[in-house]
PDB file of all heavy atoms in Angstrom:
ATOM      1  N   ASN A   1      -9.025  -3.137  -1.175  1.00  0.00           N
ATOM      2  CA  ASN A   1      -9.724  -3.086   0.116  1.00  0.00           C
ATOM      3  C   ASN A   1      -9.533  -4.379   0.816  1.00  0.00           C
ATOM      4  O   ASN A   1      -9.242  -4.344   2.138  1.00  0.00           O
ATOM      5  CB  ASN A   1     -11.297  -2.815  -0.143  1.00  0.00           C
ATOM      6  CG  ASN A   1     -12.076  -2.759   1.229  1.00  0.00           C
ATOM      7  OD1 ASN A   1     -11.521  -2.301   2.166  1.00  0.00           O
ATOM      8  ND2 ASN A   1     -13.278  -3.218   1.126  1.00  0.00           N
ATOM      9  N   ILE A   2      -9.753  -5.505   0.160  1.00  0.00           N
ATOM     10  CA  ILE A   2      -9.393  -6.851   0.819  1.00  0.00           C
ATOM     11  C   ILE A   2      -8.008  -7.000   1.235  1.00  0.00           C
ATOM     12  O   ILE A   2      -7.703  -7.382   2.344  1.00  0.00           O
ATOM     13  CB  ILE A   2      -9.893  -8.014  -0.165  1.00  0.00           C
ATOM     14  CG1 ILE A   2     -11.382  -8.120  -0.351  1.00  0.00           C
ATOM     15  CG2 ILE A   2      -9.395  -9.348   0.357  1.00  0.00           C
ATOM     16  CD1 ILE A   2     -11.792  -9.023  -1.454  1.00  0.00           C
ATOM     17  N   ALA A   3      -7.032  -6.554   0.393  1.00  0.00           N
ATOM     18  CA  ALA A   3      -5.662  -6.761   0.698  1.00  0.00           C
ATOM     19  C   ALA A   3      -5.206  -5.797   1.889  1.00  0.00           C
ATOM     20  O   ALA A   3      -4.503  -6.376   2.883  1.00  0.00           O
ATOM     21  CB  ALA A   3      -4.857  -6.305  -0.441  1.00  0.00           C
ATOM     22  N   SER A   4      -5.838  -4.675   2.098  1.00  0.00           N
ATOM     23  CA  SER A   4      -5.452  -3.797   3.238  1.00  0.00           C
ATOM     24  C   SER A   4      -6.000  -4.475   4.529  1.00  0.00           C
ATOM     25  O   SER A   4      -5.426  -4.441   5.536  1.00  0.00           O
ATOM     26  CB  SER A   4      -5.953  -2.358   3.027  1.00  0.00           C
ATOM     27  OG  SER A   4      -7.389  -2.376   3.019  1.00  0.00           O
ATOM     28  N   LYS A   5      -7.357  -4.996   4.394  1.00  0.00           N
ATOM     29  CA  LYS A   5      -7.905  -5.628   5.675  1.00  0.00           C
ATOM     30  C   LYS A   5      -7.016  -6.866   6.038  1.00  0.00           C
ATOM     31  O   LYS A   5      -6.856  -7.142   7.075  1.00  0.00           O
ATOM     32  CB  LYS A   5      -9.296  -6.018   5.396  1.00  0.00           C
ATOM     33  CG  LYS A   5     -10.215  -4.758   5.354  1.00  0.00           C
ATOM     34  CD  LYS A   5     -11.629  -5.090   5.165  1.00  0.00           C
ATOM     35  CE  LYS A   5     -12.596  -3.814   5.103  1.00  0.00           C
ATOM     36  NZ  LYS A   5     -13.896  -3.966   4.870  1.00  0.00           N
ATOM     37  N   ALA A   6      -6.730  -7.772   5.117  1.00  0.00           N
ATOM     38  CA  ALA A   6      -6.089  -8.843   5.220  1.00  0.00           C
ATOM     39  C   ALA A   6      -4.636  -8.605   5.923  1.00  0.00           C
ATOM     40  O   ALA A   6      -4.218  -9.227   6.823  1.00  0.00           O
ATOM     41  CB  ALA A   6      -5.847  -9.647   3.872  1.00  0.00           C
ATOM     42  N   ALA A   7      -3.914  -7.542   5.390  1.00  0.00           N
ATOM     43  CA  ALA A   7      -2.675  -7.149   5.978  1.00  0.00           C
ATOM     44  C   ALA A   7      -2.911  -6.683   7.311  1.00  0.00           C
ATOM     45  O   ALA A   7      -2.011  -7.071   8.277  1.00  0.00           O
ATOM     46  CB  ALA A   7      -2.098  -6.005   4.996  1.00  0.00           C
ATOM     47  N   TYR A   8      -3.843  -5.955   7.589  1.00  0.00           N
ATOM     48  CA  TYR A   8      -4.136  -5.415   8.982  1.00  0.00           C
ATOM     49  C   TYR A   8      -4.241  -6.635  10.022  1.00  0.00           C
ATOM     50  O   TYR A   8      -3.854  -6.574  11.131  1.00  0.00           O
ATOM     51  CB  TYR A   8      -5.435  -4.565   9.083  1.00  0.00           C
ATOM     52  CG  TYR A   8      -5.715  -4.138  10.428  1.00  0.00           C
ATOM     53  CD1 TYR A   8      -5.080  -3.016  10.994  1.00  0.00           C
ATOM     54  CD2 TYR A   8      -6.760  -4.842  11.186  1.00  0.00           C
ATOM     55  CE1 TYR A   8      -5.347  -2.675  12.260  1.00  0.00           C
ATOM     56  CE2 TYR A   8      -6.958  -4.429  12.500  1.00  0.00           C
ATOM     57  CZ  TYR A   8      -6.345  -3.293  12.922  1.00  0.00           C
ATOM     58  OH  TYR A   8      -6.703  -2.879  14.314  1.00  0.00           O
ATOM     59  N   HIS A   9      -4.906  -7.770   9.525  1.00  0.00           N
ATOM     60  CA  HIS A   9      -5.191  -8.995  10.275  1.00  0.00           C
ATOM     61  C   HIS A   9      -3.986  -9.962  10.228  1.00  0.00           C
ATOM     62  O   HIS A   9      -4.146 -11.002  10.639  1.00  0.00           O
ATOM     63  CB  HIS A   9      -6.469  -9.589   9.940  1.00  0.00           C
ATOM     64  CG  HIS A   9      -7.574  -8.726  10.314  1.00  0.00           C
ATOM     65  ND1 HIS A   9      -8.145  -8.666  11.701  1.00  0.00           N
ATOM     66  CD2 HIS A   9      -8.459  -7.937   9.659  1.00  0.00           C
ATOM     67  CE1 HIS A   9      -9.152  -7.776  11.734  1.00  0.00           C
ATOM     68  NE2 HIS A   9      -9.387  -7.361  10.434  1.00  0.00           N
ATOM     69  N   LEU A  10      -2.978  -9.540   9.541  1.00  0.00           N
ATOM     70  CA  LEU A  10      -1.778 -10.334   9.332  1.00  0.00           C
ATOM     71  C   LEU A  10      -2.013 -11.630   8.624  1.00  0.00           C
ATOM     72  O   LEU A  10      -1.521 -12.790   9.036  1.00  0.00           O
ATOM     73  CB  LEU A  10      -1.019 -10.511  10.521  1.00  0.00           C
ATOM     74  CG  LEU A  10      -0.507  -9.239  11.306  1.00  0.00           C
ATOM     75  CD1 LEU A  10       0.140  -9.637  12.634  1.00  0.00           C
ATOM     76  CD2 LEU A  10       0.443  -8.494  10.422  1.00  0.00           C
ATOM     77  N   LYS A  11      -2.943 -11.723   7.607  1.00  0.00           N
ATOM     78  CA  LYS A  11      -3.412 -12.839   6.986  1.00  0.00           C
ATOM     79  C   LYS A  11      -2.655 -12.924   5.547  1.00  0.00           C
ATOM     80  O   LYS A  11      -2.337 -11.931   4.881  1.00  0.00           O
ATOM     81  CB  LYS A  11      -4.797 -12.903   6.587  1.00  0.00           C
ATOM     82  CG  LYS A  11      -5.628 -13.030   7.772  1.00  0.00           C
ATOM     83  CD  LYS A  11      -7.140 -13.014   7.427  1.00  0.00           C
ATOM     84  CE  LYS A  11      -7.923 -12.918   8.645  1.00  0.00           C
ATOM     85  NZ  LYS A  11      -9.114 -13.679   8.628  1.00  0.00           N
ATOM     86  N   LYS A  12      -2.319 -14.167   5.062  1.00  0.00           N
ATOM     87  CA  LYS A  12      -1.919 -14.349   3.656  1.00  0.00           C
ATOM     88  C   LYS A  12      -3.001 -14.058   2.744  1.00  0.00           C
ATOM     89  O   LYS A  12      -4.152 -14.328   3.099  1.00  0.00           O
ATOM     90  CB  LYS A  12      -1.448 -15.784   3.575  1.00  0.00           C
ATOM     91  CG  LYS A  12      -0.271 -16.140   4.378  1.00  0.00           C
ATOM     92  CD  LYS A  12       0.124 -17.619   4.197  1.00  0.00           C
ATOM     93  CE  LYS A  12       1.249 -18.009   5.053  1.00  0.00           C
ATOM     94  NZ  LYS A  12       2.532 -17.363   4.759  1.00  0.00           N
ATOM     95  N   TYR A  13      -2.647 -13.489   1.600  1.00  0.00           N
ATOM     96  CA  TYR A  13      -3.698 -13.222   0.558  1.00  0.00           C
ATOM     97  C   TYR A  13      -3.068 -13.451  -0.923  1.00  0.00           C
ATOM     98  O   TYR A  13      -1.943 -13.178  -1.048  1.00  0.00           O
ATOM     99  CB  TYR A  13      -4.379 -11.945   0.731  1.00  0.00           C
ATOM    100  CG  TYR A  13      -3.551 -10.729   0.695  1.00  0.00           C
ATOM    101  CD1 TYR A  13      -3.350 -10.018  -0.546  1.00  0.00           C
ATOM    102  CD2 TYR A  13      -2.978 -10.179   1.782  1.00  0.00           C
ATOM    103  CE1 TYR A  13      -2.468  -9.032  -0.605  1.00  0.00           C
ATOM    104  CE2 TYR A  13      -2.248  -9.068   1.744  1.00  0.00           C
ATOM    105  CZ  TYR A  13      -1.924  -8.500   0.541  1.00  0.00           C
ATOM    106  OH  TYR A  13      -1.168  -7.393   0.434  1.00  0.00           O
ATOM    107  N   ALA A  14      -3.945 -13.856  -1.741  1.00  0.00           N
ATOM    108  CA  ALA A  14      -3.653 -13.883  -3.186  1.00  0.00           C
ATOM    109  C   ALA A  14      -4.739 -13.122  -4.063  1.00  0.00           C
ATOM    110  O   ALA A  14      -5.913 -13.417  -3.767  1.00  0.00           O
ATOM    111  CB  ALA A  14      -3.440 -15.357  -3.576  1.00  0.00           C
ATOM    112  N   MET A  15      -4.215 -12.327  -4.957  1.00  0.00           N
ATOM    113  CA  MET A  15      -5.053 -11.512  -5.707  1.00  0.00           C
ATOM    114  C   MET A  15      -4.903 -11.725  -7.174  1.00  0.00           C
ATOM    115  O   MET A  15      -3.840 -11.740  -7.540  1.00  0.00           O
ATOM    116  CB  MET A  15      -4.978 -10.011  -5.355  1.00  0.00           C
ATOM    117  CG  MET A  15      -5.083  -9.621  -3.977  1.00  0.00           C
ATOM    118  SD  MET A  15      -6.797  -9.346  -3.556  1.00  0.00           S
ATOM    119  CE  MET A  15      -6.618  -9.591  -1.766  1.00  0.00           C
ATOM    120  N   GLU A  16      -6.143 -11.884  -7.879  1.00  0.00           N
ATOM    121  CA  GLU A  16      -6.062 -11.863  -9.337  1.00  0.00           C
ATOM    122  C   GLU A  16      -7.025 -10.663  -9.695  1.00  0.00           C
ATOM    123  O   GLU A  16      -8.230 -10.842  -9.605  1.00  0.00           O
ATOM    124  CB  GLU A  16      -6.562 -13.148  -9.978  1.00  0.00           C
ATOM    125  CG  GLU A  16      -6.465 -13.178 -11.405  1.00  0.00           C
ATOM    126  CD  GLU A  16      -7.069 -14.532 -12.044  1.00  0.00           C
ATOM    127  OE1 GLU A  16      -7.328 -15.429 -11.211  1.00  0.00           O
ATOM    128  OE2 GLU A  16      -7.269 -14.444 -13.202  1.00  0.00           O
ATOM    129  N   LEU A  17      -6.439  -9.539 -10.004  1.00  0.00           N
ATOM    130  CA  LEU A  17      -7.265  -8.354 -10.072  1.00  0.00           C
ATOM    131  C   LEU A  17      -7.643  -7.916 -11.437  1.00  0.00           C
ATOM    132  O   LEU A  17      -7.072  -8.392 -12.430  1.00  0.00           O
ATOM    133  CB  LEU A  17      -6.431  -7.153  -9.408  1.00  0.00           C
ATOM    134  CG  LEU A  17      -6.169  -7.425  -7.915  1.00  0.00           C
ATOM    135  CD1 LEU A  17      -5.542  -6.250  -7.341  1.00  0.00           C
ATOM    136  CD2 LEU A  17      -7.395  -7.725  -7.097  1.00  0.00           C
ATOM    137  N   GLY A  18      -8.644  -7.168 -11.612  1.00  0.00           N
ATOM    138  CA  GLY A  18      -9.230  -6.949 -12.912  1.00  0.00           C
ATOM    139  C   GLY A  18      -8.471  -5.969 -13.809  1.00  0.00           C
ATOM    140  O   GLY A  18      -7.357  -5.490 -13.432  1.00  0.00           O
ATOM    141  N   GLY A  19      -8.934  -5.619 -14.892  1.00  0.00           N
ATOM    142  CA  GLY A  19      -8.271  -4.919 -15.970  1.00  0.00           C
ATOM    143  C   GLY A  19      -8.151  -5.598 -17.197  1.00  0.00           C
ATOM    144  O   GLY A  19      -8.350  -6.823 -17.257  1.00  0.00           O
ATOM    145  N   LYS A  20      -7.903  -4.868 -18.251  1.00  0.00           N
ATOM    146  CA  LYS A  20      -7.856  -5.462 -19.549  1.00  0.00           C
ATOM    147  C   LYS A  20      -6.396  -5.353 -20.032  1.00  0.00           C
ATOM    148  O   LYS A  20      -5.627  -4.446 -19.748  1.00  0.00           O
ATOM    149  CB  LYS A  20      -8.731  -4.678 -20.602  1.00  0.00           C
ATOM    150  CG  LYS A  20     -10.185  -4.665 -20.252  1.00  0.00           C
ATOM    151  CD  LYS A  20     -10.646  -6.172 -20.257  1.00  0.00           C
ATOM    152  CE  LYS A  20     -12.187  -6.273 -19.943  1.00  0.00           C
ATOM    153  NZ  LYS A  20     -12.451  -7.507 -19.481  1.00  0.00           N
ATOM    154  N   ASN A  21      -5.924  -6.357 -20.709  1.00  0.00           N
ATOM    155  CA  ASN A  21      -4.557  -6.468 -21.165  1.00  0.00           C
ATOM    156  C   ASN A  21      -4.460  -5.592 -22.406  1.00  0.00           C
ATOM    157  O   ASN A  21      -5.340  -5.460 -23.144  1.00  0.00           O
ATOM    158  CB  ASN A  21      -4.187  -7.879 -21.599  1.00  0.00           C
ATOM    159  CG  ASN A  21      -4.166  -8.740 -20.358  1.00  0.00           C
ATOM    160  OD1 ASN A  21      -3.848  -8.326 -19.148  1.00  0.00           O
ATOM    161  ND2 ASN A  21      -4.545 -10.052 -20.445  1.00  0.00           N
ATOM    162  N   PRO A  22      -3.297  -5.041 -22.691  1.00  0.00           N
ATOM    163  CA  PRO A  22      -3.061  -4.169 -23.939  1.00  0.00           C
ATOM    164  C   PRO A  22      -3.037  -5.086 -25.102  1.00  0.00           C
ATOM    165  O   PRO A  22      -2.744  -6.353 -25.009  1.00  0.00           O
ATOM    166  CB  PRO A  22      -1.774  -3.553 -23.681  1.00  0.00           C
ATOM    167  CG  PRO A  22      -0.985  -4.469 -22.779  1.00  0.00           C
ATOM    168  CD  PRO A  22      -2.074  -5.081 -21.837  1.00  0.00           C
ATOM    169  N   LEU A  23      -3.427  -4.518 -26.187  1.00  0.00           N
ATOM    170  CA  LEU A  23      -3.430  -5.139 -27.491  1.00  0.00           C
ATOM    171  C   LEU A  23      -2.420  -4.446 -28.415  1.00  0.00           C
ATOM    172  O   LEU A  23      -2.495  -3.254 -28.596  1.00  0.00           O
ATOM    173  CB  LEU A  23      -4.739  -5.061 -28.164  1.00  0.00           C
ATOM    174  CG  LEU A  23      -4.954  -5.843 -29.456  1.00  0.00           C
ATOM    175  CD1 LEU A  23      -4.761  -7.195 -29.372  1.00  0.00           C
ATOM    176  CD2 LEU A  23      -6.348  -5.497 -30.011  1.00  0.00           C
ATOM    177  N   ILE A  24      -1.321  -5.126 -28.731  1.00  0.00           N
ATOM    178  CA  ILE A  24      -0.210  -4.635 -29.587  1.00  0.00           C
ATOM    179  C   ILE A  24      -0.218  -5.148 -30.876  1.00  0.00           C
ATOM    180  O   ILE A  24      -0.375  -6.372 -31.142  1.00  0.00           O
ATOM    181  CB  ILE A  24       1.040  -4.830 -28.834  1.00  0.00           C
ATOM    182  CG1 ILE A  24       1.083  -4.216 -27.438  1.00  0.00           C
ATOM    183  CG2 ILE A  24       2.260  -4.364 -29.637  1.00  0.00           C
ATOM    184  CD1 ILE A  24       2.284  -4.645 -26.589  1.00  0.00           C
ATOM    185  N   LEU A  25      -0.246  -4.306 -31.914  1.00  0.00           N
ATOM    186  CA  LEU A  25      -0.343  -4.932 -33.344  1.00  0.00           C
ATOM    187  C   LEU A  25       0.899  -4.654 -34.057  1.00  0.00           C
ATOM    188  O   LEU A  25       1.565  -3.675 -33.878  1.00  0.00           O
ATOM    189  CB  LEU A  25      -1.397  -4.050 -34.031  1.00  0.00           C
ATOM    190  CG  LEU A  25      -2.849  -4.310 -33.312  1.00  0.00           C
ATOM    191  CD1 LEU A  25      -3.905  -3.256 -34.235  1.00  0.00           C
ATOM    192  CD2 LEU A  25      -3.299  -5.653 -33.378  1.00  0.00           C
ATOM    193  N   LEU A  26       1.185  -5.503 -35.051  1.00  0.00           N
ATOM    194  CA  LEU A  26       2.242  -5.312 -35.940  1.00  0.00           C
ATOM    195  C   LEU A  26       1.697  -4.498 -37.162  1.00  0.00           C
ATOM    196  O   LEU A  26       0.509  -4.349 -37.272  1.00  0.00           O
ATOM    197  CB  LEU A  26       2.771  -6.615 -36.502  1.00  0.00           C
ATOM    198  CG  LEU A  26       3.430  -7.648 -35.468  1.00  0.00           C
ATOM    199  CD1 LEU A  26       3.784  -8.943 -36.146  1.00  0.00           C
ATOM    200  CD2 LEU A  26       4.662  -6.937 -34.841  1.00  0.00           C
ATOM    201  N   LYS A  27       2.579  -3.808 -37.815  1.00  0.00           N
ATOM    202  CA  LYS A  27       2.221  -3.013 -38.911  1.00  0.00           C
ATOM    203  C   LYS A  27       1.255  -3.713 -40.020  1.00  0.00           C
ATOM    204  O   LYS A  27       0.304  -3.022 -40.453  1.00  0.00           O
ATOM    205  CB  LYS A  27       3.511  -2.501 -39.761  1.00  0.00           C
ATOM    206  CG  LYS A  27       4.286  -1.600 -39.002  1.00  0.00           C
ATOM    207  CD  LYS A  27       5.582  -1.251 -39.839  1.00  0.00           C
ATOM    208  CE  LYS A  27       6.641  -0.679 -39.028  1.00  0.00           C
ATOM    209  NZ  LYS A  27       7.802  -0.500 -39.760  1.00  0.00           N
ATOM    210  N   ASP A  28       1.530  -4.887 -40.188  1.00  0.00           N
ATOM    211  CA  ASP A  28       0.747  -5.574 -41.217  1.00  0.00           C
ATOM    212  C   ASP A  28      -0.489  -6.378 -40.692  1.00  0.00           C
ATOM    213  O   ASP A  28      -1.104  -7.129 -41.496  1.00  0.00           O
ATOM    214  CB  ASP A  28       1.601  -6.612 -41.973  1.00  0.00           C
ATOM    215  CG  ASP A  28       2.187  -7.738 -41.053  1.00  0.00           C
ATOM    216  OD1 ASP A  28       2.074  -7.603 -39.887  1.00  0.00           O
ATOM    217  OD2 ASP A  28       2.692  -8.731 -41.689  1.00  0.00           O
ATOM    218  N   TYR A  29      -0.915  -6.130 -39.459  1.00  0.00           N
ATOM    219  CA  TYR A  29      -1.977  -6.907 -38.941  1.00  0.00           C
ATOM    220  C   TYR A  29      -3.332  -6.169 -39.242  1.00  0.00           C
ATOM    221  O   TYR A  29      -3.383  -4.971 -39.280  1.00  0.00           O
ATOM    222  CB  TYR A  29      -1.943  -7.126 -37.398  1.00  0.00           C
ATOM    223  CG  TYR A  29      -2.929  -8.116 -36.952  1.00  0.00           C
ATOM    224  CD1 TYR A  29      -2.561  -9.500 -37.091  1.00  0.00           C
ATOM    225  CD2 TYR A  29      -4.224  -7.781 -36.512  1.00  0.00           C
ATOM    226  CE1 TYR A  29      -3.493 -10.455 -36.677  1.00  0.00           C
ATOM    227  CE2 TYR A  29      -5.084  -8.820 -36.213  1.00  0.00           C
ATOM    228  CZ  TYR A  29      -4.777 -10.222 -36.262  1.00  0.00           C
ATOM    229  OH  TYR A  29      -5.575 -11.104 -35.806  1.00  0.00           O
ATOM    230  N   ASP A  30      -4.293  -6.864 -39.585  1.00  0.00           N
ATOM    231  CA  ASP A  30      -5.643  -6.281 -39.991  1.00  0.00           C
ATOM    232  C   ASP A  30      -6.295  -5.698 -38.793  1.00  0.00           C
ATOM    233  O   ASP A  30      -6.721  -6.299 -37.701  1.00  0.00           O
ATOM    234  CB  ASP A  30      -6.497  -7.548 -40.318  1.00  0.00           C
ATOM    235  CG  ASP A  30      -8.015  -7.067 -40.817  1.00  0.00           C
ATOM    236  OD1 ASP A  30      -8.410  -5.929 -40.660  1.00  0.00           O
ATOM    237  OD2 ASP A  30      -8.699  -7.881 -41.536  1.00  0.00           O
ATOM    238  N   VAL A  31      -6.422  -4.307 -38.788  1.00  0.00           N
ATOM    239  CA  VAL A  31      -6.899  -3.471 -37.633  1.00  0.00           C
ATOM    240  C   VAL A  31      -8.356  -3.858 -37.437  1.00  0.00           C
ATOM    241  O   VAL A  31      -8.788  -4.050 -36.221  1.00  0.00           O
ATOM    242  CB  VAL A  31      -6.898  -2.026 -38.012  1.00  0.00           C
ATOM    243  CG1 VAL A  31      -7.446  -1.136 -36.790  1.00  0.00           C
ATOM    244  CG2 VAL A  31      -5.349  -1.591 -38.059  1.00  0.00           C
ATOM    245  N   ASP A  32      -9.202  -4.138 -38.423  1.00  0.00           N
ATOM    246  CA  ASP A  32     -10.648  -4.515 -38.145  1.00  0.00           C
ATOM    247  C   ASP A  32     -10.672  -5.857 -37.364  1.00  0.00           C
ATOM    248  O   ASP A  32     -11.607  -6.010 -36.467  1.00  0.00           O
ATOM    249  CB  ASP A  32     -11.403  -4.618 -39.461  1.00  0.00           C
ATOM    250  CG  ASP A  32     -11.665  -3.250 -40.164  1.00  0.00           C
ATOM    251  OD1 ASP A  32     -11.632  -2.171 -39.374  1.00  0.00           O
ATOM    252  OD2 ASP A  32     -11.826  -3.251 -41.358  1.00  0.00           O
ATOM    253  N   LYS A  33      -9.892  -6.708 -37.715  1.00  0.00           N
ATOM    254  CA  LYS A  33      -9.841  -8.025 -37.017  1.00  0.00           C
ATOM    255  C   LYS A  33      -9.345  -7.847 -35.612  1.00  0.00           C
ATOM    256  O   LYS A  33      -9.971  -8.456 -34.667  1.00  0.00           O
ATOM    257  CB  LYS A  33      -8.859  -9.017 -37.765  1.00  0.00           C
ATOM    258  CG  LYS A  33      -8.880 -10.364 -37.230  1.00  0.00           C
ATOM    259  CD  LYS A  33     -10.241 -11.082 -37.558  1.00  0.00           C
ATOM    260  CE  LYS A  33     -10.066 -12.474 -36.977  1.00  0.00           C
ATOM    261  NZ  LYS A  33     -11.397 -13.297 -36.999  1.00  0.00           N
ATOM    262  N   ALA A  34      -8.400  -6.947 -35.430  1.00  0.00           N
ATOM    263  CA  ALA A  34      -7.871  -6.780 -33.983  1.00  0.00           C
ATOM    264  C   ALA A  34      -9.000  -6.036 -33.097  1.00  0.00           C
ATOM    265  O   ALA A  34      -9.146  -6.399 -31.924  1.00  0.00           O
ATOM    266  CB  ALA A  34      -6.738  -5.849 -34.067  1.00  0.00           C
ATOM    267  N   VAL A  35      -9.769  -5.184 -33.784  1.00  0.00           N
ATOM    268  CA  VAL A  35     -10.962  -4.617 -32.988  1.00  0.00           C
ATOM    269  C   VAL A  35     -11.964  -5.702 -32.549  1.00  0.00           C
ATOM    270  O   VAL A  35     -12.402  -5.709 -31.571  1.00  0.00           O
ATOM    271  CB  VAL A  35     -11.527  -3.445 -33.802  1.00  0.00           C
ATOM    272  CG1 VAL A  35     -12.946  -2.951 -33.128  1.00  0.00           C
ATOM    273  CG2 VAL A  35     -10.628  -2.257 -33.917  1.00  0.00           C
ATOM    274  N   GLU A  36     -12.230  -6.599 -33.559  1.00  0.00           N
ATOM    275  CA  GLU A  36     -13.219  -7.651 -33.217  1.00  0.00           C
ATOM    276  C   GLU A  36     -12.690  -8.449 -32.097  1.00  0.00           C
ATOM    277  O   GLU A  36     -13.372  -8.875 -31.218  1.00  0.00           O
ATOM    278  CB  GLU A  36     -13.373  -8.470 -34.594  1.00  0.00           C
ATOM    279  CG  GLU A  36     -14.121  -9.655 -34.344  1.00  0.00           C
ATOM    280  CD  GLU A  36     -14.273 -10.544 -35.599  1.00  0.00           C
ATOM    281  OE1 GLU A  36     -14.170  -9.911 -36.777  1.00  0.00           O
ATOM    282  OE2 GLU A  36     -14.556 -11.704 -35.480  1.00  0.00           O
ATOM    283  N   ILE A  37     -11.358  -8.855 -32.075  1.00  0.00           N
ATOM    284  CA  ILE A  37     -10.697  -9.732 -31.120  1.00  0.00           C
ATOM    285  C   ILE A  37     -10.808  -8.981 -29.763  1.00  0.00           C
ATOM    286  O   ILE A  37     -11.112  -9.681 -28.703  1.00  0.00           O
ATOM    287  CB  ILE A  37      -9.429 -10.181 -31.545  1.00  0.00           C
ATOM    288  CG1 ILE A  37      -9.412 -11.158 -32.772  1.00  0.00           C
ATOM    289  CG2 ILE A  37      -8.620 -10.813 -30.422  1.00  0.00           C
ATOM    290  CD1 ILE A  37      -8.127 -11.392 -33.449  1.00  0.00           C
TER     291      ILE A  37
END
């Protein structure tokens, strides 16, 4: 929403947007520990 309004007004903008990063595990990693982390 902010980016579209800023673009309409020809303003510069920088966004750091939400979301969670994926968690990738190796075969030998402790799954319970990964869930905790």
